[in-house]
Protein backbone atom coordinates (compact mmCIF):
# COMPACT_ATOMS: atom_id res chain seq x y z
CA MET A 1 52.86 113.87 -126.49
CA MET A 2 50.69 116.86 -127.39
CA ARG A 3 50.16 115.50 -130.90
CA ALA A 4 48.97 112.13 -129.56
CA ARG A 5 46.49 113.92 -127.30
CA LEU A 6 45.16 115.96 -130.23
CA ILE A 7 44.75 112.82 -132.33
CA GLU A 8 42.92 111.12 -129.47
CA LEU A 9 40.63 114.13 -129.05
CA ARG A 10 39.91 114.27 -132.80
CA GLU A 11 39.00 110.56 -132.84
CA ARG A 12 36.78 110.98 -129.79
CA ARG A 13 35.07 113.95 -131.42
CA GLN A 14 34.43 111.89 -134.56
CA ARG A 15 32.95 109.04 -132.50
CA LEU A 16 30.73 111.45 -130.60
CA ALA A 17 29.59 113.14 -133.81
CA ALA A 18 28.73 109.75 -135.34
CA ARG A 19 26.86 108.77 -132.18
CA ALA A 20 24.95 112.07 -132.17
CA GLN A 21 23.98 111.56 -135.82
CA LEU A 22 22.70 108.05 -135.06
CA GLU A 23 20.70 109.36 -132.11
CA ARG A 24 19.20 112.11 -134.30
CA GLU A 25 18.14 109.52 -136.88
CA GLN A 26 16.59 107.29 -134.20
CA LEU A 27 14.75 110.26 -132.73
CA ALA A 28 13.43 111.21 -136.17
CA VAL A 29 12.00 107.68 -136.59
CA GLN A 30 10.35 107.82 -133.17
CA LEU A 31 8.90 111.26 -133.87
CA ALA A 32 7.50 110.04 -137.18
CA ARG A 33 5.69 107.25 -135.33
CA ALA A 34 4.38 109.72 -132.78
CA ASP A 35 3.14 111.98 -135.59
CA VAL A 36 1.06 109.12 -136.98
CA ALA A 37 -0.44 108.40 -133.57
CA LEU A 38 -1.15 112.08 -132.98
CA ALA A 39 -2.84 112.35 -136.37
CA TRP A 40 -5.23 109.56 -135.36
CA LEU A 41 -5.89 111.27 -132.05
CA GLU A 42 -6.61 114.52 -133.85
CA ARG A 43 -9.07 112.77 -136.16
CA GLY A 44 -10.84 111.29 -133.16
CA ARG A 45 -10.95 114.65 -131.42
CA SER A 46 -12.33 116.28 -134.55
CA ALA A 47 -15.01 113.59 -134.83
CA LEU A 48 -16.01 114.08 -131.20
CA GLU A 49 -16.17 117.83 -131.72
CA ALA A 50 -18.38 117.35 -134.77
CA VAL A 51 -20.70 115.12 -132.75
CA ARG A 52 -20.86 117.72 -129.99
CA ARG A 53 -21.91 120.36 -132.49
CA ARG A 54 -24.60 118.11 -134.04
CA PRO A 55 -26.17 116.00 -131.28
CA LEU A 56 -29.34 115.50 -133.32
CA VAL A 57 -27.39 113.62 -136.01
CA LEU A 58 -25.94 111.31 -133.36
CA ALA A 59 -29.36 110.71 -131.83
CA ALA A 60 -30.87 109.96 -135.26
CA ALA A 61 -28.08 107.52 -136.10
CA ALA A 62 -28.46 105.79 -132.73
CA ALA A 63 -32.24 105.53 -133.19
CA LEU A 64 -31.79 104.07 -136.68
CA ILE A 65 -29.32 101.46 -135.45
CA LEU A 66 -31.59 100.62 -132.52
CA ALA A 67 -34.57 100.20 -134.86
CA LEU A 68 -32.67 98.01 -137.33
CA ARG A 69 -30.79 95.80 -134.86
CA PRO A 70 -32.18 96.14 -131.34
CA ARG A 71 -30.44 93.13 -129.74
CA ARG A 72 -27.08 93.97 -131.19
CA THR A 73 -27.48 97.59 -130.16
CA LEU A 74 -28.35 96.65 -126.59
CA ARG A 75 -25.32 94.34 -126.42
CA LEU A 76 -23.17 97.15 -127.77
CA LEU A 77 -24.57 99.56 -125.19
CA ALA A 78 -23.88 97.05 -122.41
CA SER A 79 -20.31 96.61 -123.62
CA GLY A 80 -19.85 100.36 -123.88
CA TRP A 81 -21.17 100.83 -120.37
CA SER A 82 -18.77 98.18 -119.06
CA LEU A 83 -15.85 99.84 -120.82
CA TRP A 84 -16.88 103.21 -119.39
CA GLN A 85 -16.97 101.74 -115.87
CA LEU A 86 -13.55 100.16 -116.40
CA TYR A 87 -12.17 103.47 -117.63
CA ARG A 88 -13.52 105.33 -114.60
CA ARG A 89 -12.05 102.75 -112.19
CA ALA A 90 -8.68 102.86 -113.94
CA GLN A 91 -8.72 106.65 -113.84
CA SER A 92 -9.45 106.77 -110.11
CA TRP A 93 -6.79 104.12 -109.48
CA TRP A 94 -4.27 106.13 -111.50
CA GLU A 95 -5.08 109.31 -109.59
CA ARG A 96 -4.39 107.48 -106.33
CA ILE A 97 -0.99 106.07 -107.33
CA ALA A 98 0.36 108.79 -109.62
CA PRO A 99 1.79 111.87 -107.97
CA PRO A 100 0.13 115.10 -109.08
CA VAL A 101 2.03 117.06 -111.69
CA GLN A 102 2.93 120.52 -110.47
CA LYS A 103 4.14 123.39 -112.60
CA PRO A 104 7.37 125.06 -111.52
CA ALA A 105 6.76 128.17 -109.43
CA GLY A 106 7.39 131.55 -110.98
CA ARG A 107 6.87 130.52 -114.60
CA ALA A 108 4.22 132.09 -116.75
CA THR A 109 2.40 129.79 -119.15
């Protein structure tokens, strides 16, 4: 009786170890995908930071584009403004429906 229980426990342990290994592999794949997305976000953040440090370059580029293609630029600005408005509405909507995130009391960050 004791031997049968030990065999059963050993088999269960093997199944759990195999399941844990599979979950680790799946998590590694998901983290690799997240790393790619985060790399793109970091590039975008770096580009925005570079633009913040050199506003004159951005203004010169915008003026050049406006001079070369005024209609297209105005359409692009209108689209950008619409997207900005949509973003602001979505953000205010999200703030209304999402509960505020609170840090646990007593923890130093």
